[in-house]
């Protein structure tokens, strides 16, 4: 198994849980919940995770940084559909990443690093914000939540 495939499979162990979290029973008004002024809403947080992670994968594969165009989502069904669609797209892109892509030098703004560095940042980004999702959902009274990582 090539290194990029190992990295993708490790990331998917977290993304699978993010997808399970978006499937938690929610009301449309839950998407506007935010625990403090200035925080992202629950809906924005889900979209932030999936679109920025797709941006990192695209950067590694295409060697060009293009900030994401994150849509506004007003209902739970639309959010679920977008999260699953962007996940499929990101997986397809990730499958195309080679070990050469991982070792290539890249630039994003003032930050430079290898493809591996950016994929690690993406992985950490998902974990960080997924932790926030757990907190948001608990504050909304959701009791039955999955384990933080899929070990299948």
N, C-alpha and C. Protein backbone atom coordinates (compact mmCIF):
# COMPACT_ATOMS: atom_id res chain seq x y z
N UNK A 1 0.85 -1.18 0.00
CA UNK A 1 0.00 0.00 0.00
C UNK A 1 0.90 1.24 0.00
N UNK A 2 0.60 2.18 -0.89
CA UNK A 2 1.41 3.39 -0.94
C UNK A 2 1.05 4.31 0.23
N UNK A 3 1.96 5.21 0.53
CA UNK A 3 1.81 6.09 1.70
C UNK A 3 0.54 6.93 1.62
N UNK A 4 0.22 7.45 0.45
CA UNK A 4 -0.98 8.29 0.32
C UNK A 4 -2.25 7.49 0.64
N UNK A 5 -2.28 6.24 0.26
CA UNK A 5 -3.44 5.39 0.57
C UNK A 5 -3.55 5.14 2.07
N UNK A 6 -2.42 4.93 2.72
CA UNK A 6 -2.42 4.77 4.18
C UNK A 6 -2.94 6.03 4.86
N UNK A 7 -2.48 7.18 4.38
CA UNK A 7 -2.91 8.45 4.96
C UNK A 7 -4.41 8.66 4.75
N UNK A 8 -4.90 8.33 3.56
CA UNK A 8 -6.31 8.50 3.27
C UNK A 8 -7.15 7.59 4.16
N UNK A 9 -6.74 6.35 4.29
CA UNK A 9 -7.50 5.41 5.13
C UNK A 9 -7.54 5.87 6.59
N UNK A 10 -6.46 6.43 7.07
CA UNK A 10 -6.42 6.95 8.43
C UNK A 10 -7.36 8.14 8.58
N UNK A 11 -7.35 9.05 7.60
CA UNK A 11 -8.27 10.19 7.62
C UNK A 11 -9.72 9.73 7.58
N UNK A 12 -10.01 8.72 6.77
CA UNK A 12 -11.40 8.25 6.66
C UNK A 12 -11.94 7.69 7.97
N UNK A 13 -11.06 7.21 8.82
CA UNK A 13 -11.52 6.74 10.14
C UNK A 13 -12.13 7.87 10.95
N UNK A 14 -11.70 9.08 10.68
CA UNK A 14 -12.31 10.25 11.33
C UNK A 14 -13.48 10.79 10.50
N UNK A 15 -13.33 10.84 9.19
CA UNK A 15 -14.42 11.37 8.35
C UNK A 15 -15.67 10.50 8.48
N UNK A 16 -15.51 9.19 8.61
CA UNK A 16 -16.67 8.32 8.80
C UNK A 16 -17.48 8.75 10.03
N UNK A 17 -16.81 9.19 11.06
CA UNK A 17 -17.50 9.64 12.28
C UNK A 17 -18.14 11.01 12.03
N UNK A 18 -17.47 11.88 11.30
CA UNK A 18 -18.07 13.17 10.96
C UNK A 18 -19.38 12.94 10.20
N UNK A 19 -19.38 11.99 9.29
CA UNK A 19 -20.61 11.66 8.56
C UNK A 19 -21.67 11.08 9.49
N UNK A 20 -21.26 10.29 10.47
CA UNK A 20 -22.23 9.77 11.44
C UNK A 20 -22.81 10.92 12.27
N UNK A 21 -21.99 11.89 12.61
CA UNK A 21 -22.48 13.04 13.40
C UNK A 21 -23.51 13.85 12.62
N UNK A 22 -23.31 14.02 11.31
CA UNK A 22 -24.28 14.80 10.53
C UNK A 22 -25.61 14.04 10.42
N UNK A 23 -25.58 12.73 10.63
CA UNK A 23 -26.80 11.92 10.57
C UNK A 23 -27.55 11.86 11.91
N UNK A 24 -26.99 12.46 12.96
CA UNK A 24 -27.68 12.52 14.25
C UNK A 24 -29.01 13.26 14.03
N UNK A 25 -30.11 12.79 14.62
CA UNK A 25 -31.37 13.53 14.46
C UNK A 25 -31.22 14.99 14.93
N UNK A 26 -31.50 15.91 14.03
CA UNK A 26 -31.41 17.34 14.30
C UNK A 26 -32.60 18.04 13.66
N UNK A 27 -32.91 19.21 14.18
CA UNK A 27 -33.91 20.09 13.58
C UNK A 27 -33.18 21.15 12.76
N UNK A 28 -33.88 21.72 11.79
CA UNK A 28 -33.26 22.75 10.96
C UNK A 28 -32.72 23.89 11.81
N UNK A 29 -33.43 24.26 12.87
CA UNK A 29 -32.97 25.38 13.71
C UNK A 29 -31.69 25.05 14.47
N UNK A 30 -31.37 23.75 14.64
CA UNK A 30 -30.12 23.37 15.30
C UNK A 30 -28.91 23.85 14.51
N UNK A 31 -29.06 23.99 13.21
CA UNK A 31 -27.93 24.40 12.36
C UNK A 31 -27.44 25.80 12.68
N UNK A 32 -28.28 26.62 13.30
CA UNK A 32 -27.88 27.99 13.63
C UNK A 32 -27.31 28.10 15.05
N UNK A 33 -27.24 26.97 15.77
CA UNK A 33 -26.71 27.00 17.13
C UNK A 33 -25.23 27.31 17.12
N UNK A 34 -24.84 28.21 18.02
CA UNK A 34 -23.41 28.45 18.27
C UNK A 34 -23.27 28.77 19.76
N UNK A 35 -22.25 28.19 20.40
CA UNK A 35 -22.13 28.30 21.85
C UNK A 35 -21.62 29.65 22.36
N UNK A 36 -21.07 30.48 21.52
CA UNK A 36 -20.63 31.81 21.94
C UNK A 36 -20.69 32.73 20.73
N UNK A 37 -20.78 34.02 21.02
CA UNK A 37 -20.81 35.02 19.96
C UNK A 37 -19.49 34.95 19.19
N UNK A 38 -19.57 34.94 17.89
CA UNK A 38 -18.37 34.88 17.07
C UNK A 38 -17.99 33.47 16.66
N UNK A 39 -18.62 32.46 17.25
CA UNK A 39 -18.33 31.06 16.87
C UNK A 39 -19.03 30.74 15.56
N UNK A 40 -18.56 29.71 14.89
CA UNK A 40 -19.29 29.19 13.75
C UNK A 40 -20.56 28.52 14.27
N UNK A 41 -21.60 28.54 13.46
CA UNK A 41 -22.80 27.78 13.82
C UNK A 41 -22.52 26.30 13.57
N UNK A 42 -23.40 25.45 14.07
CA UNK A 42 -23.25 24.01 13.85
C UNK A 42 -23.19 23.71 12.35
N UNK A 43 -24.10 24.29 11.59
CA UNK A 43 -24.09 24.06 10.15
C UNK A 43 -22.81 24.55 9.49
N UNK A 44 -22.37 25.74 9.86
CA UNK A 44 -21.13 26.28 9.29
C UNK A 44 -19.93 25.40 9.63
N UNK A 45 -19.92 24.86 10.84
CA UNK A 45 -18.80 24.03 11.27
C UNK A 45 -18.69 22.76 10.43
N UNK A 46 -19.82 22.09 10.19
CA UNK A 46 -19.79 20.90 9.31
C UNK A 46 -19.25 21.28 7.93
N UNK A 47 -19.76 22.36 7.38
CA UNK A 47 -19.34 22.76 6.03
C UNK A 47 -17.88 23.19 6.01
N UNK A 48 -17.44 23.89 7.04
CA UNK A 48 -16.04 24.31 7.16
C UNK A 48 -15.11 23.09 7.10
N UNK A 49 -15.45 22.06 7.85
CA UNK A 49 -14.62 20.85 7.88
C UNK A 49 -14.51 20.25 6.49
N UNK A 50 -15.63 19.97 5.86
CA UNK A 50 -15.57 19.23 4.60
C UNK A 50 -14.98 20.06 3.46
N UNK A 51 -15.31 21.34 3.40
CA UNK A 51 -14.79 22.15 2.28
C UNK A 51 -13.30 22.46 2.45
N UNK A 52 -12.85 22.76 3.67
CA UNK A 52 -11.43 23.05 3.84
C UNK A 52 -10.58 21.79 3.67
N UNK A 53 -11.09 20.65 4.12
CA UNK A 53 -10.32 19.43 3.91
C UNK A 53 -10.21 19.11 2.42
N UNK A 54 -11.27 19.35 1.67
CA UNK A 54 -11.20 19.17 0.22
C UNK A 54 -10.17 20.13 -0.38
N UNK A 55 -10.10 21.34 0.16
CA UNK A 55 -9.12 22.33 -0.31
C UNK A 55 -7.70 21.82 -0.10
N UNK A 56 -7.42 21.24 1.07
CA UNK A 56 -6.08 20.71 1.34
C UNK A 56 -5.74 19.57 0.37
N UNK A 57 -6.67 18.66 0.14
CA UNK A 57 -6.41 17.55 -0.78
C UNK A 57 -6.19 18.09 -2.20
N UNK A 58 -6.99 19.06 -2.60
CA UNK A 58 -6.82 19.65 -3.93
C UNK A 58 -5.46 20.33 -4.06
N UNK A 59 -5.03 21.01 -3.02
CA UNK A 59 -3.71 21.66 -3.03
C UNK A 59 -2.61 20.62 -3.25
N UNK A 60 -2.68 19.52 -2.53
CA UNK A 60 -1.63 18.50 -2.64
C UNK A 60 -1.63 17.89 -4.05
N UNK A 61 -2.81 17.63 -4.59
CA UNK A 61 -2.88 17.00 -5.91
C UNK A 61 -2.57 17.98 -7.04
N UNK A 62 -3.12 19.20 -6.96
CA UNK A 62 -3.02 20.14 -8.08
C UNK A 62 -1.90 21.17 -7.94
N UNK A 63 -1.26 21.21 -6.76
CA UNK A 63 -0.16 22.14 -6.49
C UNK A 63 -0.59 23.60 -6.58
N UNK A 64 -1.87 23.86 -6.37
CA UNK A 64 -2.40 25.22 -6.45
C UNK A 64 -3.43 25.41 -5.33
N UNK A 65 -3.29 26.51 -4.59
CA UNK A 65 -4.22 26.81 -3.51
C UNK A 65 -5.39 27.61 -4.04
N UNK A 66 -6.58 27.09 -3.85
CA UNK A 66 -7.82 27.78 -4.19
C UNK A 66 -8.72 27.71 -2.96
N UNK A 67 -8.97 28.85 -2.31
CA UNK A 67 -9.82 28.81 -1.12
C UNK A 67 -11.22 28.29 -1.48
N UNK A 68 -11.86 27.61 -0.53
CA UNK A 68 -13.17 27.03 -0.84
C UNK A 68 -14.27 28.08 -0.95
N UNK A 69 -15.26 27.76 -1.72
CA UNK A 69 -16.47 28.56 -1.84
C UNK A 69 -17.55 27.81 -1.06
N UNK A 70 -17.70 28.15 0.22
CA UNK A 70 -18.57 27.40 1.11
C UNK A 70 -19.99 27.97 1.02
N UNK A 71 -20.95 27.10 0.68
CA UNK A 71 -22.33 27.58 0.53
C UNK A 71 -22.99 27.82 1.90
N UNK A 72 -24.11 28.49 1.86
CA UNK A 72 -24.96 28.65 3.05
C UNK A 72 -25.97 27.51 3.00
N UNK A 73 -26.17 26.87 4.11
CA UNK A 73 -27.08 25.73 4.18
C UNK A 73 -28.14 26.02 5.23
N UNK A 74 -29.41 25.88 4.88
CA UNK A 74 -30.48 26.27 5.79
C UNK A 74 -31.30 25.11 6.34
N UNK A 75 -31.06 23.90 5.84
CA UNK A 75 -31.82 22.78 6.40
C UNK A 75 -30.95 21.54 6.51
N UNK A 76 -31.37 20.66 7.40
CA UNK A 76 -30.58 19.48 7.75
C UNK A 76 -30.40 18.55 6.55
N UNK A 77 -31.45 18.34 5.78
CA UNK A 77 -31.33 17.43 4.63
C UNK A 77 -30.29 17.94 3.63
N UNK A 78 -30.30 19.24 3.39
CA UNK A 78 -29.31 19.84 2.48
C UNK A 78 -27.90 19.68 3.06
N UNK A 79 -27.75 19.92 4.37
CA UNK A 79 -26.44 19.77 5.01
C UNK A 79 -25.93 18.35 4.86
N UNK A 80 -26.77 17.38 5.15
CA UNK A 80 -26.36 15.97 5.04
C UNK A 80 -25.92 15.64 3.61
N UNK A 81 -26.70 16.11 2.65
CA UNK A 81 -26.38 15.86 1.25
C UNK A 81 -25.03 16.48 0.86
N UNK A 82 -24.80 17.71 1.28
CA UNK A 82 -23.55 18.39 0.96
C UNK A 82 -22.35 17.69 1.61
N UNK A 83 -22.47 17.35 2.89
CA UNK A 83 -21.36 16.69 3.59
C UNK A 83 -20.99 15.39 2.89
N UNK A 84 -21.99 14.61 2.52
CA UNK A 84 -21.72 13.32 1.87
C UNK A 84 -21.17 13.51 0.46
N UNK A 85 -21.69 14.50 -0.25
CA UNK A 85 -21.21 14.76 -1.61
C UNK A 85 -19.76 15.23 -1.59
N UNK A 86 -19.45 16.19 -0.73
CA UNK A 86 -18.07 16.71 -0.67
C UNK A 86 -17.12 15.62 -0.18
N UNK A 87 -17.57 14.77 0.72
CA UNK A 87 -16.73 13.65 1.17
C UNK A 87 -16.41 12.73 -0.01
N UNK A 88 -17.40 12.39 -0.81
CA UNK A 88 -17.16 11.53 -1.99
C UNK A 88 -16.15 12.18 -2.93
N UNK A 89 -16.32 13.47 -3.19
CA UNK A 89 -15.42 14.20 -4.09
C UNK A 89 -14.00 14.21 -3.52
N UNK A 90 -13.87 14.47 -2.23
CA UNK A 90 -12.55 14.52 -1.59
C UNK A 90 -11.88 13.16 -1.64
N UNK A 91 -12.63 12.10 -1.38
CA UNK A 91 -12.07 10.74 -1.46
C UNK A 91 -11.57 10.44 -2.87
N UNK A 92 -12.34 10.83 -3.88
CA UNK A 92 -11.92 10.59 -5.27
C UNK A 92 -10.61 11.32 -5.56
N UNK A 93 -10.50 12.56 -5.11
CA UNK A 93 -9.26 13.33 -5.31
C UNK A 93 -8.11 12.69 -4.53
N UNK A 94 -8.38 12.30 -3.30
CA UNK A 94 -7.33 11.73 -2.44
C UNK A 94 -6.77 10.46 -3.07
N UNK A 95 -7.63 9.66 -3.68
CA UNK A 95 -7.18 8.41 -4.32
C UNK A 95 -6.18 8.66 -5.44
N UNK A 96 -6.20 9.87 -6.00
CA UNK A 96 -5.29 10.21 -7.10
C UNK A 96 -3.94 10.71 -6.62
N UNK A 97 -3.82 10.97 -5.33
CA UNK A 97 -2.55 11.48 -4.79
C UNK A 97 -1.51 10.37 -4.79
N UNK A 98 -0.34 10.71 -5.28
CA UNK A 98 0.77 9.76 -5.35
C UNK A 98 1.80 10.07 -4.26
N UNK A 99 2.73 9.18 -4.10
CA UNK A 99 3.81 9.45 -3.14
C UNK A 99 4.65 10.64 -3.60
N UNK A 100 4.74 10.87 -4.91
CA UNK A 100 5.45 12.05 -5.42
C UNK A 100 4.71 13.32 -4.98
N UNK A 101 3.38 13.31 -5.05
CA UNK A 101 2.60 14.46 -4.58
C UNK A 101 2.87 14.72 -3.10
N UNK A 102 2.97 13.66 -2.33
CA UNK A 102 3.19 13.79 -0.88
C UNK A 102 4.55 14.41 -0.58
N UNK A 103 5.54 14.11 -1.41
CA UNK A 103 6.89 14.64 -1.16
C UNK A 103 7.13 16.00 -1.80
N UNK A 104 6.22 16.46 -2.65
CA UNK A 104 6.39 17.74 -3.34
C UNK A 104 6.30 18.91 -2.37
N UNK A 105 7.03 19.98 -2.69
CA UNK A 105 6.97 21.22 -1.90
C UNK A 105 5.79 22.05 -2.38
N UNK A 106 5.05 22.60 -1.41
CA UNK A 106 3.84 23.38 -1.72
C UNK A 106 3.84 24.68 -0.94
N UNK A 107 3.03 25.60 -1.41
CA UNK A 107 2.89 26.90 -0.77
C UNK A 107 1.40 27.21 -0.61
N UNK A 108 1.02 27.67 0.59
CA UNK A 108 -0.34 28.14 0.82
C UNK A 108 -0.20 29.43 1.61
N UNK A 109 -0.43 30.55 0.93
CA UNK A 109 -0.19 31.83 1.58
C UNK A 109 1.28 31.96 1.94
N UNK A 110 1.56 32.28 3.19
CA UNK A 110 2.95 32.41 3.66
C UNK A 110 3.52 31.11 4.19
N UNK A 111 2.75 30.03 4.12
CA UNK A 111 3.19 28.76 4.68
C UNK A 111 3.64 27.83 3.57
N UNK A 112 4.82 27.24 3.75
CA UNK A 112 5.35 26.26 2.80
C UNK A 112 5.56 24.94 3.51
N UNK A 113 5.37 23.85 2.79
CA UNK A 113 5.60 22.53 3.35
C UNK A 113 5.41 21.48 2.28
N UNK A 114 5.64 20.25 2.65
CA UNK A 114 5.46 19.14 1.72
C UNK A 114 3.98 18.79 1.64
N UNK A 115 3.64 18.01 0.64
CA UNK A 115 2.27 17.50 0.54
C UNK A 115 1.88 16.75 1.78
N UNK A 116 2.81 15.98 2.32
CA UNK A 116 2.56 15.23 3.56
C UNK A 116 2.23 16.17 4.71
N UNK A 117 2.93 17.28 4.79
CA UNK A 117 2.66 18.27 5.85
C UNK A 117 1.24 18.80 5.73
N UNK A 118 0.83 19.14 4.51
CA UNK A 118 -0.51 19.68 4.32
C UNK A 118 -1.60 18.64 4.59
N UNK A 119 -1.33 17.38 4.24
CA UNK A 119 -2.31 16.33 4.54
C UNK A 119 -2.40 16.08 6.04
N UNK A 120 -1.28 16.23 6.74
CA UNK A 120 -1.30 16.10 8.20
C UNK A 120 -2.08 17.25 8.82
N UNK A 121 -1.89 18.45 8.30
CA UNK A 121 -2.66 19.61 8.78
C UNK A 121 -4.15 19.35 8.55
N UNK A 122 -4.49 18.82 7.39
CA UNK A 122 -5.89 18.52 7.07
C UNK A 122 -6.46 17.51 8.07
N UNK A 123 -5.70 16.49 8.36
CA UNK A 123 -6.11 15.45 9.31
C UNK A 123 -6.33 16.06 10.69
N UNK A 124 -5.39 16.84 11.14
CA UNK A 124 -5.52 17.51 12.44
C UNK A 124 -6.70 18.47 12.46
N UNK A 125 -6.92 19.15 11.35
CA UNK A 125 -8.04 20.09 11.21
C UNK A 125 -9.37 19.36 11.42
N UNK A 126 -9.51 18.21 10.80
CA UNK A 126 -10.75 17.42 10.95
C UNK A 126 -10.94 17.02 12.41
N UNK A 127 -9.90 16.54 13.05
CA UNK A 127 -10.00 16.10 14.45
C UNK A 127 -10.38 17.28 15.35
N UNK A 128 -9.71 18.40 15.17
CA UNK A 128 -9.98 19.58 15.99
C UNK A 128 -11.45 19.99 15.90
N UNK A 129 -11.92 20.18 14.68
CA UNK A 129 -13.29 20.66 14.52
C UNK A 129 -14.33 19.57 14.82
N UNK A 130 -13.96 18.33 14.61
CA UNK A 130 -14.90 17.25 14.97
C UNK A 130 -15.11 17.25 16.48
N UNK A 131 -14.08 17.54 17.24
CA UNK A 131 -14.23 17.67 18.69
C UNK A 131 -15.22 18.77 19.03
N UNK A 132 -15.17 19.87 18.29
CA UNK A 132 -16.15 20.94 18.50
C UNK A 132 -17.56 20.46 18.18
N UNK A 133 -17.70 19.67 17.12
CA UNK A 133 -19.02 19.15 16.78
C UNK A 133 -19.60 18.33 17.93
N UNK A 134 -18.76 17.52 18.56
CA UNK A 134 -19.22 16.73 19.71
C UNK A 134 -19.74 17.65 20.82
N UNK A 135 -19.01 18.73 21.09
CA UNK A 135 -19.43 19.67 22.14
C UNK A 135 -20.75 20.34 21.75
N UNK A 136 -20.84 20.84 20.52
CA UNK A 136 -22.07 21.49 20.06
C UNK A 136 -23.26 20.54 20.21
N UNK A 137 -23.10 19.31 19.74
CA UNK A 137 -24.21 18.36 19.77
C UNK A 137 -24.59 18.00 21.21
N UNK A 138 -23.61 17.88 22.09
CA UNK A 138 -23.92 17.64 23.51
C UNK A 138 -24.69 18.83 24.09
N UNK A 139 -24.27 20.04 23.76
CA UNK A 139 -24.97 21.23 24.26
C UNK A 139 -26.40 21.32 23.72
N UNK A 140 -26.64 20.70 22.58
CA UNK A 140 -27.99 20.64 22.02
C UNK A 140 -28.79 19.47 22.59
N UNK A 141 -28.19 18.74 23.55
CA UNK A 141 -28.91 17.66 24.22
C UNK A 141 -28.81 16.30 23.55
N UNK A 142 -27.92 16.16 22.58
CA UNK A 142 -27.75 14.87 21.89
C UNK A 142 -26.92 13.95 22.78
N UNK A 143 -27.48 12.83 23.16
CA UNK A 143 -26.80 11.92 24.08
C UNK A 143 -26.13 10.75 23.39
N UNK A 144 -26.71 10.24 22.34
CA UNK A 144 -26.16 9.06 21.65
C UNK A 144 -25.26 9.53 20.51
N UNK A 145 -23.97 9.56 20.79
CA UNK A 145 -23.00 9.99 19.81
C UNK A 145 -22.01 8.84 19.57
N UNK A 146 -21.45 8.75 18.37
CA UNK A 146 -20.48 7.69 18.09
C UNK A 146 -19.15 7.94 18.80
N UNK A 147 -18.31 6.92 18.83
CA UNK A 147 -16.94 7.06 19.30
C UNK A 147 -16.22 8.02 18.36
N UNK A 148 -15.19 8.68 18.81
CA UNK A 148 -14.55 9.76 18.04
C UNK A 148 -13.82 9.26 16.78
N UNK A 149 -13.54 7.97 16.70
CA UNK A 149 -12.78 7.42 15.57
C UNK A 149 -13.33 6.05 15.23
N UNK A 150 -13.34 5.73 13.96
CA UNK A 150 -13.80 4.44 13.47
C UNK A 150 -12.60 3.49 13.47
N UNK A 151 -12.72 2.36 14.13
CA UNK A 151 -11.61 1.41 14.20
C UNK A 151 -11.84 0.17 13.35
N UNK A 152 -12.72 0.25 12.37
CA UNK A 152 -12.98 -0.90 11.48
C UNK A 152 -11.83 -1.11 10.55
